Amino acid sequence: DMKDEEIDLPRIAFVGRPNVGKSSIINTLLGDVRNIVTDIAGTTR
């Protein structure tokens, strides 16, 4: 029954093959380069 504010929020997961633009689209939405984005597949571990 333990929950916090974040757990109660809807979770939208961006999934797909490496280097399809998952980090880039989130960074664009946030307006800030929060996640490492390179053109090397598999940067996000």
PDB file of all heavy atoms in Angstrom:
ATOM      1  N   ASP A   1       0.803  -1.219   0.000  1.00  0.00           N
ATOM      2  CA  ASP A   1       0.000   0.000   0.000  1.00  0.00           C
ATOM      3  C   ASP A   1       0.836   1.269   0.000  1.00  0.00           C
ATOM      4  O   ASP A   1       0.311   2.370  -0.065  1.00  0.00           O
ATOM      5  CB  ASP A   1      -0.942   0.012   1.210  1.00  0.00           C
ATOM      6  CG  ASP A   1      -1.944  -1.136   1.169  1.00  0.00           C
ATOM      7  OD1 ASP A   1      -2.388  -1.481   0.050  1.00  0.00           O
ATOM      8  OD2 ASP A   1      -2.278  -1.677   2.240  1.00  0.00           O
ATOM      9  N   MET A   2       2.172   1.117   0.100  1.00  0.00           N
ATOM     10  CA  MET A   2       3.038   2.290   0.122  1.00  0.00           C
ATOM     11  C   MET A   2       3.160   2.901  -1.257  1.00  0.00           C
ATOM     12  O   MET A   2       3.514   2.250  -2.216  1.00  0.00           O
ATOM     13  CB  MET A   2       4.422   1.925   0.655  1.00  0.00           C
ATOM     14  CG  MET A   2       4.473   1.619   2.138  1.00  0.00           C
ATOM     15  SD  MET A   2       6.126   1.168   2.683  1.00  0.00           S
ATOM     16  CE  MET A   2       7.051   2.658   2.265  1.00  0.00           C
ATOM     17  N   LYS A   3       2.849   4.193  -1.353  1.00  0.00           N
ATOM     18  CA  LYS A   3       2.953   4.906  -2.622  1.00  0.00           C
ATOM     19  C   LYS A   3       3.520   6.293  -2.370  1.00  0.00           C
ATOM     20  O   LYS A   3       3.368   6.860  -1.309  1.00  0.00           O
ATOM     21  CB  LYS A   3       1.586   5.033  -3.314  1.00  0.00           C
ATOM     22  CG  LYS A   3       1.009   3.722  -3.801  1.00  0.00           C
ATOM     23  CD  LYS A   3      -0.277   3.957  -4.566  1.00  0.00           C
ATOM     24  CE  LYS A   3      -0.834   2.678  -5.139  1.00  0.00           C
ATOM     25  NZ  LYS A   3      -2.094   2.912  -5.914  1.00  0.00           N
ATOM     26  N   ASP A   4       4.159   6.840  -3.336  1.00  0.00           N
ATOM     27  CA  ASP A   4       4.567   8.228  -3.270  1.00  0.00           C
ATOM     28  C   ASP A   4       4.011   8.964  -4.476  1.00  0.00           C
ATOM     29  O   ASP A   4       3.360   8.383  -5.336  1.00  0.00           O
ATOM     30  CB  ASP A   4       6.094   8.372  -3.181  1.00  0.00           C
ATOM     31  CG  ASP A   4       6.826   7.733  -4.354  1.00  0.00           C
ATOM     32  OD1 ASP A   4       6.259   7.670  -5.466  1.00  0.00           O
ATOM     33  OD2 ASP A   4       7.948   7.278  -4.163  1.00  0.00           O
ATOM     34  N   GLU A   5       4.268  10.235  -4.528  1.00  0.00           N
ATOM     35  CA  GLU A   5       3.681  11.058  -5.565  1.00  0.00           C
ATOM     36  C   GLU A   5       4.079  10.588  -6.959  1.00  0.00           C
ATOM     37  O   GLU A   5       3.258  10.549  -7.871  1.00  0.00           O
ATOM     38  CB  GLU A   5       4.095  12.515  -5.365  1.00  0.00           C
ATOM     39  CG  GLU A   5       3.493  13.470  -6.368  1.00  0.00           C
ATOM     40  CD  GLU A   5       4.018  14.873  -6.221  1.00  0.00           C
ATOM     41  OE1 GLU A   5       5.046  15.048  -5.604  1.00  0.00           O
ATOM     42  OE2 GLU A   5       3.406  15.803  -6.715  1.00  0.00           O
ATOM     43  N   GLU A   6       5.344  10.217  -7.120  1.00  0.00           N
ATOM     44  CA  GLU A   6       5.802   9.819  -8.431  1.00  0.00           C
ATOM     45  C   GLU A   6       5.136   8.539  -8.908  1.00  0.00           C
ATOM     46  O   GLU A   6       4.795   8.402 -10.070  1.00  0.00           O
ATOM     47  CB  GLU A   6       7.320   9.675  -8.433  1.00  0.00           C
ATOM     48  CG  GLU A   6       8.053  10.996  -8.301  1.00  0.00           C
ATOM     49  CD  GLU A   6       9.531  10.868  -8.546  1.00  0.00           C
ATOM     50  OE1 GLU A   6      10.034   9.740  -8.634  1.00  0.00           O
ATOM     51  OE2 GLU A   6      10.207  11.897  -8.653  1.00  0.00           O
ATOM     52  N   ILE A   7       4.970   7.582  -7.994  1.00  0.00           N
ATOM     53  CA  ILE A   7       4.349   6.329  -8.382  1.00  0.00           C
ATOM     54  C   ILE A   7       2.904   6.549  -8.833  1.00  0.00           C
ATOM     55  O   ILE A   7       2.397   5.867  -9.695  1.00  0.00           O
ATOM     56  CB  ILE A   7       4.438   5.319  -7.226  1.00  0.00           C
ATOM     57  CG1 ILE A   7       5.882   4.879  -7.020  1.00  0.00           C
ATOM     58  CG2 ILE A   7       3.543   4.116  -7.470  1.00  0.00           C
ATOM     59  CD1 ILE A   7       6.119   3.952  -5.887  1.00  0.00           C
ATOM     60  N   ASP A   8       2.234   7.531  -8.250  1.00  0.00           N
ATOM     61  CA  ASP A   8       0.853   7.805  -8.615  1.00  0.00           C
ATOM     62  C   ASP A   8       0.713   8.491  -9.968  1.00  0.00           C
ATOM     63  O   ASP A   8      -0.369   8.537 -10.528  1.00  0.00           O
ATOM     64  CB  ASP A   8       0.181   8.669  -7.542  1.00  0.00           C
ATOM     65  CG  ASP A   8      -0.164   7.870  -6.296  1.00  0.00           C
ATOM     66  OD1 ASP A   8      -0.308   6.640  -6.417  1.00  0.00           O
ATOM     67  OD2 ASP A   8      -0.277   8.465  -5.218  1.00  0.00           O
ATOM     68  N   LEU A   9       1.801   9.041 -10.489  1.00  0.00           N
ATOM     69  CA  LEU A   9       1.737   9.710 -11.777  1.00  0.00           C
ATOM     70  C   LEU A   9       1.695   8.692 -12.912  1.00  0.00           C
ATOM     71  O   LEU A   9       2.297   7.624 -12.809  1.00  0.00           O
ATOM     72  CB  LEU A   9       2.961  10.615 -11.970  1.00  0.00           C
ATOM     73  CG  LEU A   9       3.072  11.838 -11.071  1.00  0.00           C
ATOM     74  CD1 LEU A   9       4.406  12.539 -11.309  1.00  0.00           C
ATOM     75  CD2 LEU A   9       1.926  12.815 -11.332  1.00  0.00           C
ATOM     76  N   PRO A  10       0.978   9.007 -14.005  1.00  0.00           N
ATOM     77  CA  PRO A  10       1.030   8.128 -15.176  1.00  0.00           C
ATOM     78  C   PRO A  10       2.466   7.974 -15.679  1.00  0.00           C
ATOM     79  O   PRO A  10       3.221   8.942 -15.727  1.00  0.00           O
ATOM     80  CB  PRO A  10       0.159   8.861 -16.213  1.00  0.00           C
ATOM     81  CG  PRO A  10      -0.716   9.765 -15.410  1.00  0.00           C
ATOM     82  CD  PRO A  10       0.088  10.168 -14.219  1.00  0.00           C
ATOM     83  N   ARG A  11       2.823   6.762 -16.059  1.00  0.00           N
ATOM     84  CA  ARG A  11       4.173   6.482 -16.549  1.00  0.00           C
ATOM     85  C   ARG A  11       4.114   6.209 -18.047  1.00  0.00           C
ATOM     86  O   ARG A  11       3.464   5.258 -18.493  1.00  0.00           O
ATOM     87  CB  ARG A  11       4.765   5.290 -15.807  1.00  0.00           C
ATOM     88  CG  ARG A  11       5.028   5.572 -14.327  1.00  0.00           C
ATOM     89  CD  ARG A  11       5.493   4.328 -13.606  1.00  0.00           C
ATOM     90  NE  ARG A  11       5.718   4.609 -12.197  1.00  0.00           N
ATOM     91  CZ  ARG A  11       6.900   4.895 -11.659  1.00  0.00           C
ATOM     92  NH1 ARG A  11       7.972   4.916 -12.415  1.00  0.00           N
ATOM     93  NH2 ARG A  11       7.012   5.159 -10.369  1.00  0.00           N
ATOM     94  N   ILE A  12       4.812   7.041 -18.802  1.00  0.00           N
ATOM     95  CA  ILE A  12       4.877   6.924 -20.252  1.00  0.00           C
ATOM     96  C   ILE A  12       6.282   6.456 -20.616  1.00  0.00           C
ATOM     97  O   ILE A  12       7.252   7.211 -20.481  1.00  0.00           O
ATOM     98  CB  ILE A  12       4.568   8.262 -20.954  1.00  0.00           C
ATOM     99  CG1 ILE A  12       3.313   8.935 -20.362  1.00  0.00           C
ATOM    100  CG2 ILE A  12       4.450   8.046 -22.456  1.00  0.00           C
ATOM    101  CD1 ILE A  12       2.055   8.156 -20.517  1.00  0.00           C
ATOM    102  N   ALA A  13       6.411   5.205 -21.058  1.00  0.00           N
ATOM    103  CA  ALA A  13       7.717   4.634 -21.390  1.00  0.00           C
ATOM    104  C   ALA A  13       7.971   4.731 -22.882  1.00  0.00           C
ATOM    105  O   ALA A  13       7.130   4.321 -23.692  1.00  0.00           O
ATOM    106  CB  ALA A  13       7.806   3.183 -20.936  1.00  0.00           C
ATOM    107  N   PHE A  14       9.111   5.274 -23.266  1.00  0.00           N
ATOM    108  CA  PHE A  14       9.534   5.343 -24.658  1.00  0.00           C
ATOM    109  C   PHE A  14      10.446   4.145 -24.926  1.00  0.00           C
ATOM    110  O   PHE A  14      11.527   4.031 -24.339  1.00  0.00           O
ATOM    111  CB  PHE A  14      10.260   6.664 -24.935  1.00  0.00           C
ATOM    112  CG  PHE A  14       9.336   7.850 -24.942  1.00  0.00           C
ATOM    113  CD1 PHE A  14       8.832   8.367 -23.757  1.00  0.00           C
ATOM    114  CD2 PHE A  14       8.963   8.449 -26.131  1.00  0.00           C
ATOM    115  CE1 PHE A  14       7.969   9.455 -23.757  1.00  0.00           C
ATOM    116  CE2 PHE A  14       8.101   9.541 -26.144  1.00  0.00           C
ATOM    117  CZ  PHE A  14       7.604  10.039 -24.949  1.00  0.00           C
ATOM    118  N   VAL A  15       9.991   3.246 -25.793  1.00  0.00           N
ATOM    119  CA  VAL A  15      10.707   1.992 -26.028  1.00  0.00           C
ATOM    120  C   VAL A  15      10.956   1.818 -27.522  1.00  0.00           C
ATOM    121  O   VAL A  15      10.269   2.401 -28.359  1.00  0.00           O
ATOM    122  CB  VAL A  15       9.936   0.775 -25.470  1.00  0.00           C
ATOM    123  CG1 VAL A  15       9.765   0.896 -23.966  1.00  0.00           C
ATOM    124  CG2 VAL A  15       8.563   0.612 -26.128  1.00  0.00           C
ATOM    125  N   GLY A  16      11.935   0.993 -27.844  1.00  0.00           N
ATOM    126  CA  GLY A  16      12.254   0.739 -29.245  1.00  0.00           C
ATOM    127  C   GLY A  16      13.674   0.251 -29.393  1.00  0.00           C
ATOM    128  O   GLY A  16      14.414   0.122 -28.412  1.00  0.00           O
ATOM    129  N   ARG A  17      14.049  -0.013 -30.635  1.00  0.00           N
ATOM    130  CA  ARG A  17      15.409  -0.415 -30.918  1.00  0.00           C
ATOM    131  C   ARG A  17      16.388   0.706 -30.563  1.00  0.00           C
ATOM    132  O   ARG A  17      15.986   1.865 -30.454  1.00  0.00           O
ATOM    133  CB  ARG A  17      15.546  -0.787 -32.406  1.00  0.00           C
ATOM    134  CG  ARG A  17      14.837  -2.075 -32.773  1.00  0.00           C
ATOM    135  CD  ARG A  17      15.046  -2.435 -34.242  1.00  0.00           C
ATOM    136  NE  ARG A  17      14.255  -1.600 -35.126  1.00  0.00           N
ATOM    137  CZ  ARG A  17      14.741  -0.736 -36.008  1.00  0.00           C
ATOM    138  NH1 ARG A  17      16.047  -0.566 -36.121  1.00  0.00           N
ATOM    139  NH2 ARG A  17      13.946  -0.026 -36.792  1.00  0.00           N
ATOM    140  N   PRO A  18      17.685   0.377 -30.422  1.00  0.00           N
ATOM    141  CA  PRO A  18      18.660   1.431 -30.143  1.00  0.00           C
ATOM    142  C   PRO A  18      18.694   2.487 -31.248  1.00  0.00           C
ATOM    143  O   PRO A  18      18.505   2.191 -32.424  1.00  0.00           O
ATOM    144  CB  PRO A  18      19.997   0.667 -30.086  1.00  0.00           C
ATOM    145  CG  PRO A  18      19.621  -0.735 -29.750  1.00  0.00           C
ATOM    146  CD  PRO A  18      18.302  -0.970 -30.421  1.00  0.00           C
ATOM    147  N   ASN A  19      18.886   3.726 -30.830  1.00  0.00           N
ATOM    148  CA  ASN A  19      19.134   4.831 -31.753  1.00  0.00           C
ATOM    149  C   ASN A  19      17.936   5.196 -32.624  1.00  0.00           C
ATOM    150  O   ASN A  19      18.109   5.683 -33.748  1.00  0.00           O
ATOM    151  CB  ASN A  19      20.350   4.522 -32.650  1.00  0.00           C
ATOM    152  CG  ASN A  19      21.071   5.782 -33.092  1.00  0.00           C
ATOM    153  OD1 ASN A  19      21.114   6.765 -32.361  1.00  0.00           O
ATOM    154  ND2 ASN A  19      21.642   5.749 -34.281  1.00  0.00           N
ATOM    155  N   VAL A  20      16.718   4.997 -32.108  1.00  0.00           N
ATOM    156  CA  VAL A  20      15.530   5.427 -32.858  1.00  0.00           C
ATOM    157  C   VAL A  20      15.079   6.820 -32.450  1.00  0.00           C
ATOM    158  O   VAL A  20      14.176   7.379 -33.079  1.00  0.00           O
ATOM    159  CB  VAL A  20      14.353   4.443 -32.707  1.00  0.00           C
ATOM    160  CG1 VAL A  20      14.678   3.103 -33.309  1.00  0.00           C
ATOM    161  CG2 VAL A  20      13.923   4.315 -31.249  1.00  0.00           C
ATOM    162  N   GLY A  21      15.700   7.381 -31.410  1.00  0.00           N
ATOM    163  CA  GLY A  21      15.356   8.744 -31.006  1.00  0.00           C
ATOM    164  C   GLY A  21      14.609   8.857 -29.691  1.00  0.00           C
ATOM    165  O   GLY A  21      13.984   9.889 -29.421  1.00  0.00           O
ATOM    166  N   LYS A  22      14.681   7.839 -28.844  1.00  0.00           N
ATOM    167  CA  LYS A  22      13.948   7.853 -27.579  1.00  0.00           C
ATOM    168  C   LYS A  22      14.428   8.980 -26.665  1.00  0.00           C
ATOM    169  O   LYS A  22      13.624   9.760 -26.149  1.00  0.00           O
ATOM    170  CB  LYS A  22      14.074   6.494 -26.871  1.00  0.00           C
ATOM    171  CG  LYS A  22      13.541   5.321 -27.683  1.00  0.00           C
ATOM    172  CD  LYS A  22      13.610   3.995 -26.957  1.00  0.00           C
ATOM    173  CE  LYS A  22      15.037   3.574 -26.674  1.00  0.00           C
ATOM    174  NZ  LYS A  22      15.806   3.249 -27.884  1.00  0.00           N
ATOM    175  N   SER A  23      15.735   9.053 -26.438  1.00  0.00           N
ATOM    176  CA  SER A  23      16.272  10.115 -25.585  1.00  0.00           C
ATOM    177  C   SER A  23      16.050  11.485 -26.201  1.00  0.00           C
ATOM    178  O   SER A  23      15.740  12.466 -25.508  1.00  0.00           O
ATOM    179  CB  SER A  23      17.765   9.885 -25.337  1.00  0.00           C
ATOM    180  OG  SER A  23      17.999   8.669 -24.668  1.00  0.00           O
ATOM    181  N   SER A  24      16.188  11.569 -27.520  1.00  0.00           N
ATOM    182  CA  SER A  24      16.055  12.857 -28.204  1.00  0.00           C
ATOM    183  C   SER A  24      14.643  13.418 -28.072  1.00  0.00           C
ATOM    184  O   SER A  24      14.459  14.620 -27.857  1.00  0.00           O
ATOM    185  CB  SER A  24      16.422  12.716 -29.677  1.00  0.00           C
ATOM    186  OG  SER A  24      17.784  12.367 -29.828  1.00  0.00           O
ATOM    187  N   ILE A  25      13.633  12.575 -28.215  1.00  0.00           N
ATOM    188  CA  ILE A  25      12.266  13.080 -28.127  1.00  0.00           C
ATOM    189  C   ILE A  25      11.951  13.533 -26.707  1.00  0.00           C
ATOM    190  O   ILE A  25      11.277  14.551 -26.497  1.00  0.00           O
ATOM    191  CB  ILE A  25      11.240  12.031 -28.624  1.00  0.00           C
ATOM    192  CG1 ILE A  25       9.873  12.690 -28.837  1.00  0.00           C
ATOM    193  CG2 ILE A  25      11.112  10.864 -27.665  1.00  0.00           C
ATOM    194  CD1 ILE A  25       8.867  11.780 -29.538  1.00  0.00           C
ATOM    195  N   ILE A  26      12.457  12.819 -25.688  1.00  0.00           N
ATOM    196  CA  ILE A  26      12.243  13.235 -24.308  1.00  0.00           C
ATOM    197  C   ILE A  26      12.966  14.540 -24.024  1.00  0.00           C
ATOM    198  O   ILE A  26      12.418  15.451 -23.400  1.00  0.00           O
ATOM    199  CB  ILE A  26      12.685  12.123 -23.338  1.00  0.00           C
ATOM    200  CG1 ILE A  26      11.743  10.925 -23.453  1.00  0.00           C
ATOM    201  CG2 ILE A  26      12.708  12.641 -21.894  1.00  0.00           C
ATOM    202  CD1 ILE A  26      12.128   9.742 -22.584  1.00  0.00           C
ATOM    203  N   ASN A  27      14.204  14.654 -24.504  1.00  0.00           N
ATOM    204  CA  ASN A  27      14.943  15.895 -24.310  1.00  0.00           C
ATOM    205  C   ASN A  27      14.241  17.078 -24.974  1.00  0.00           C
ATOM    206  O   ASN A  27      14.220  18.189 -24.437  1.00  0.00           O
ATOM    207  CB  ASN A  27      16.362  15.757 -24.863  1.00  0.00           C
ATOM    208  CG  ASN A  27      17.226  14.838 -24.010  1.00  0.00           C
ATOM    209  OD1 ASN A  27      16.953  14.616 -22.835  1.00  0.00           O
ATOM    210  ND2 ASN A  27      18.265  14.290 -24.613  1.00  0.00           N
ATOM    211  N   THR A  28      13.664  16.847 -26.144  1.00  0.00           N
ATOM    212  CA  THR A  28      12.940  17.907 -26.837  1.00  0.00           C
ATOM    213  C   THR A  28      11.698  18.315 -26.055  1.00  0.00           C
ATOM    214  O   THR A  28      11.390  19.509 -25.919  1.00  0.00           O
ATOM    215  CB  THR A  28      12.541  17.444 -28.247  1.00  0.00           C
ATOM    216  OG1 THR A  28      13.721  17.101 -28.982  1.00  0.00           O
ATOM    217  CG2 THR A  28      11.808  18.556 -28.999  1.00  0.00           C
ATOM    218  N   LEU A  29      10.983  17.338 -25.530  1.00  0.00           N
ATOM    219  CA  LEU A  29       9.802  17.629 -24.732  1.00  0.00           C
ATOM    220  C   LEU A  29      10.155  18.417 -23.474  1.00  0.00           C
ATOM    221  O   LEU A  29       9.448  19.325 -23.063  1.00  0.00           O
ATOM    222  CB  LEU A  29       9.084  16.334 -24.354  1.00  0.00           C
ATOM    223  CG  LEU A  29       8.343  15.614 -25.486  1.00  0.00           C
ATOM    224  CD1 LEU A  29       7.960  14.200 -25.070  1.00  0.00           C
ATOM    225  CD2 LEU A  29       7.093  16.407 -25.880  1.00  0.00           C
ATOM    226  N   LEU A  30      11.277  18.062 -22.863  1.00  0.00           N
ATOM    227  CA  LEU A  30      11.699  18.713 -21.636  1.00  0.00           C
ATOM    228  C   LEU A  30      12.370  20.053 -21.883  1.00  0.00           C
ATOM    229  O   LEU A  30      12.522  20.859 -20.965  1.00  0.00           O
ATOM    230  CB  LEU A  30      12.645  17.801 -20.853  1.00  0.00           C
ATOM    231  CG  LEU A  30      12.041  16.485 -20.333  1.00  0.00           C
ATOM    232  CD1 LEU A  30      13.140  15.601 -19.764  1.00  0.00           C
ATOM    233  CD2 LEU A  30      10.978  16.756 -19.272  1.00  0.00           C
ATOM    234  N   GLY A  31      12.804  20.253 -23.129  1.00  0.00           N
ATOM    235  CA  GLY A  31      13.504  21.499 -23.430  1.00  0.00           C
ATOM    236  C   GLY A  31      14.849  21.593 -22.795  1.00  0.00           C
ATOM    237  O   GLY A  31      15.389  22.675 -22.586  1.00  0.00           O
ATOM    238  N   ASP A  32      15.411  20.435 -22.482  1.00  0.00           N
ATOM    239  CA  ASP A  32      16.669  20.423 -21.761  1.00  0.00           C
ATOM    240  C   ASP A  32      17.343  19.093 -22.055  1.00  0.00           C
ATOM    241  O   ASP A  32      16.700  18.058 -22.056  1.00  0.00           O
ATOM    242  CB  ASP A  32      16.406  20.563 -20.261  1.00  0.00           C
ATOM    243  CG  ASP A  32      17.651  20.623 -19.425  1.00  0.00           C
ATOM    244  OD1 ASP A  32      18.704  20.855 -19.991  1.00  0.00           O
ATOM    245  OD2 ASP A  32      17.552  20.418 -18.209  1.00  0.00           O
ATOM    246  N   VAL A  33      18.615  19.105 -22.306  1.00  0.00           N
ATOM    247  CA  VAL A  33      19.323  17.861 -22.584  1.00  0.00           C
ATOM    248  C   VAL A  33      19.590  17.147 -21.262  1.00  0.00           C
ATOM    249  O   VAL A  33      20.650  17.284 -20.653  1.00  0.00           O
ATOM    250  CB  VAL A  33      20.620  18.110 -23.367  1.00  0.00           C
ATOM    251  CG1 VAL A  33      21.316  16.783 -23.661  1.00  0.00           C
ATOM    252  CG2 VAL A  33      20.342  18.846 -24.664  1.00  0.00           C
ATOM    253  N   ARG A  34      18.567  16.419 -20.785  1.00  0.00           N
ATOM    254  CA  ARG A  34      18.693  15.671 -19.535  1.00  0.00           C
ATOM    255  C   ARG A  34      19.410  14.341 -19.728  1.00  0.00           C
ATOM    256  O   ARG A  34      20.081  13.850 -18.837  1.00  0.00           O
ATOM    257  CB  ARG A  34      17.296  15.386 -18.968  1.00  0.00           C
ATOM    258  CG  ARG A  34      16.419  16.607 -18.738  1.00  0.00           C
ATOM    259  CD  ARG A  34      16.613  17.199 -17.453  1.00  0.00           C
ATOM    260  NE  ARG A  34      15.755  18.366 -17.237  1.00  0.00           N
ATOM    261  CZ  ARG A  34      14.795  18.410 -16.346  1.00  0.00           C
ATOM    262  NH1 ARG A  34      14.553  17.359 -15.608  1.00  0.00           N
ATOM    263  NH2 ARG A  34      14.090  19.497 -16.180  1.00  0.00           N
ATOM    264  N   ASN A  35      19.205  13.696 -20.876  1.00  0.00           N
ATOM    265  CA  ASN A  35      19.730  12.366 -21.134  1.00  0.00           C
ATOM    266  C   ASN A  35      20.823  12.438 -22.187  1.00  0.00           C
ATOM    267  O   ASN A  35      20.776  13.265 -23.088  1.00  0.00           O
ATOM    268  CB  ASN A  35      18.608  11.429 -21.603  1.00  0.00           C
ATOM    269  CG  ASN A  35      17.452  11.401 -20.634  1.00  0.00           C
ATOM    270  OD1 ASN A  35      17.615  11.639 -19.439  1.00  0.00           O
ATOM    271  ND2 ASN A  35      16.264  11.122 -21.143  1.00  0.00           N
ATOM    272  N   ILE A  36      21.806  11.596 -22.067  1.00  0.00           N
ATOM    273  CA  ILE A  36      22.916  11.576 -23.011  1.00  0.00           C
ATOM    274  C   ILE A  36      22.415  11.118 -24.368  1.00  0.00           C
ATOM    275  O   ILE A  36      21.806  10.065 -24.502  1.00  0.00           O
ATOM    276  CB  ILE A  36      24.028  10.646 -22.517  1.00  0.00           C
ATOM    277  CG1 ILE A  36      24.570  11.117 -21.168  1.00  0.00           C
ATOM    278  CG2 ILE A  36      25.161  10.556 -23.538  1.00  0.00           C
ATOM    279  CD1 ILE A  36      25.503  10.129 -20.504  1.00  0.00           C
ATOM    280  N   VAL A  37      22.664  11.910 -25.405  1.00  0.00           N
ATOM    281  CA  VAL A  37      22.244  11.566 -26.752  1.00  0.00           C
ATOM    282  C   VAL A  37      23.461  11.571 -27.659  1.00  0.00           C
ATOM    283  O   VAL A  37      24.146  12.577 -27.784  1.00  0.00           O
ATOM    284  CB  VAL A  37      21.196  12.554 -27.296  1.00  0.00           C
ATOM    285  CG1 VAL A  37      20.790  12.161 -28.710  1.00  0.00           C
ATOM    286  CG2 VAL A  37      19.981  12.601 -26.387  1.00  0.00           C
ATOM    287  N   THR A  38      23.754  10.439 -28.260  1.00  0.00           N
ATOM    288  CA  THR A  38      24.800  10.348 -29.265  1.00  0.00           C
ATOM    289  C   THR A  38      24.237   9.550 -30.427  1.00  0.00           C
ATOM    290  O   THR A  38      23.152   8.998 -30.345  1.00  0.00           O
ATOM    291  CB  THR A  38      26.063   9.646 -28.728  1.00  0.00           C
ATOM    292  OG1 THR A  38      25.775   8.242 -28.552  1.00  0.00           O
ATOM    293  CG2 THR A  38      26.505  10.226 -27.393  1.00  0.00           C
ATOM    294  N   ASP A  39      24.979   9.474 -31.502  1.00  0.00           N
ATOM    295  CA  ASP A  39      24.544   8.633 -32.610  1.00  0.00           C
ATOM    296  C   ASP A  39      25.156   7.240 -32.516  1.00  0.00           C
ATOM    297  O   ASP A  39      25.179   6.494 -33.481  1.00  0.00           O
ATOM    298  CB  ASP A  39      24.862   9.277 -33.962  1.00  0.00           C
ATOM    299  CG  ASP A  39      26.239   9.710 -34.133  1.00  0.00           C
ATOM    300  OD1 ASP A  39      26.926   9.381 -33.271  1.00  0.00           O
ATOM    301  OD2 ASP A  39      26.588  10.372 -35.117  1.00  0.00           O
ATOM    302  N   ILE A  40      25.637   6.880 -31.334  1.00  0.00           N
ATOM    303  CA  ILE A  40      26.116   5.525 -31.073  1.00  0.00           C
ATOM    304  C   ILE A  40      24.975   4.743 -30.444  1.00  0.00           C
ATOM    305  O   ILE A  40      24.436   5.128 -29.419  1.00  0.00           O
ATOM    306  CB  ILE A  40      27.330   5.533 -30.130  1.00  0.00           C
ATOM    307  CG1 ILE A  40      28.473   6.363 -30.723  1.00  0.00           C
ATOM    308  CG2 ILE A  40      27.794   4.112 -29.834  1.00  0.00           C
ATOM    309  CD1 ILE A  40      29.620   6.597 -29.768  1.00  0.00           C
ATOM    310  N   ALA A  41      24.608   3.645 -31.080  1.00  0.00           N
ATOM    311  CA  ALA A  41      23.502   2.844 -30.563  1.00  0.00           C
ATOM    312  C   ALA A  41      23.815   2.327 -29.166  1.00  0.00           C
ATOM    313  O   ALA A  41      24.922   1.899 -28.872  1.00  0.00           O
ATOM    314  CB  ALA A  41      23.223   1.668 -31.499  1.00  0.00           C
ATOM    315  N   GLY A  42      22.824   2.382 -28.294  1.00  0.00           N
ATOM    316  CA  GLY A  42      22.976   1.806 -26.964  1.00  0.00           C
ATOM    317  C   GLY A  42      23.572   2.732 -25.928  1.00  0.00           C
ATOM    318  O   GLY A  42      24.094   2.281 -24.912  1.00  0.00           O
ATOM    319  N   THR A  43      23.495   4.055 -26.145  1.00  0.00           N
ATOM    320  CA  THR A  43      24.058   4.995 -25.181  1.00  0.00           C
ATOM    321  C   THR A  43      23.331   4.937 -23.843  1.00  0.00           C
ATOM    322  O   THR A  43      23.945   4.992 -22.787  1.00  0.00           O
ATOM    323  CB  THR A  43      23.990   6.430 -25.739  1.00  0.00           C
ATOM    324  OG1 THR A  43      24.650   6.474 -26.997  1.00  0.00           O
ATOM    325  CG2 THR A  43      24.646   7.408 -24.783  1.00  0.00           C
ATOM    326  N   THR A  44      22.021   4.818 -23.875  1.00  0.00           N
ATOM    327  CA  THR A  44      21.244   4.757 -22.648  1.00  0.00           C
ATOM    328  C   THR A  44      21.291   3.341 -22.086  1.00  0.00           C
ATOM    329  O   THR A  44      20.763   2.414 -22.680  1.00  0.00           O
ATOM    330  CB  THR A  44      19.781   5.161 -22.899  1.00  0.00           C
ATOM    331  OG1 THR A  44      19.755   6.477 -23.455  1.00  0.00           O
ATOM    332  CG2 THR A  44      18.979   5.140 -21.609  1.00  0.00           C
ATOM    333  N   ARG A  45      21.917   3.198 -20.954  1.00  0.00           N
ATOM    334  CA  ARG A  45      22.049   1.890 -20.316  1.00  0.00           C
ATOM    335  C   ARG A  45      20.935   1.631 -19.319  1.00  0.00           C
ATOM    336  O   ARG A  45      20.537   0.494 -19.114  1.00  0.00           O
ATOM    337  CB  ARG A  45      23.406   1.789 -19.597  1.00  0.00           C
ATOM    338  CG  ARG A  45      24.619   1.943 -20.495  1.00  0.00           C
ATOM    339  CD  ARG A  45      24.775   0.741 -21.418  1.00  0.00           C
ATOM    340  NE  ARG A  45      26.096   0.735 -22.029  1.00  0.00           N
ATOM    341  CZ  ARG A  45      26.546  -0.172 -22.863  1.00  0.00           C
ATOM    342  NH1 ARG A  45      25.777  -1.170 -23.196  1.00  0.00           N
ATOM    343  NH2 ARG A  45      27.758  -0.092 -23.372  1.00  0.00           N
TER     344      ARG A  45
END
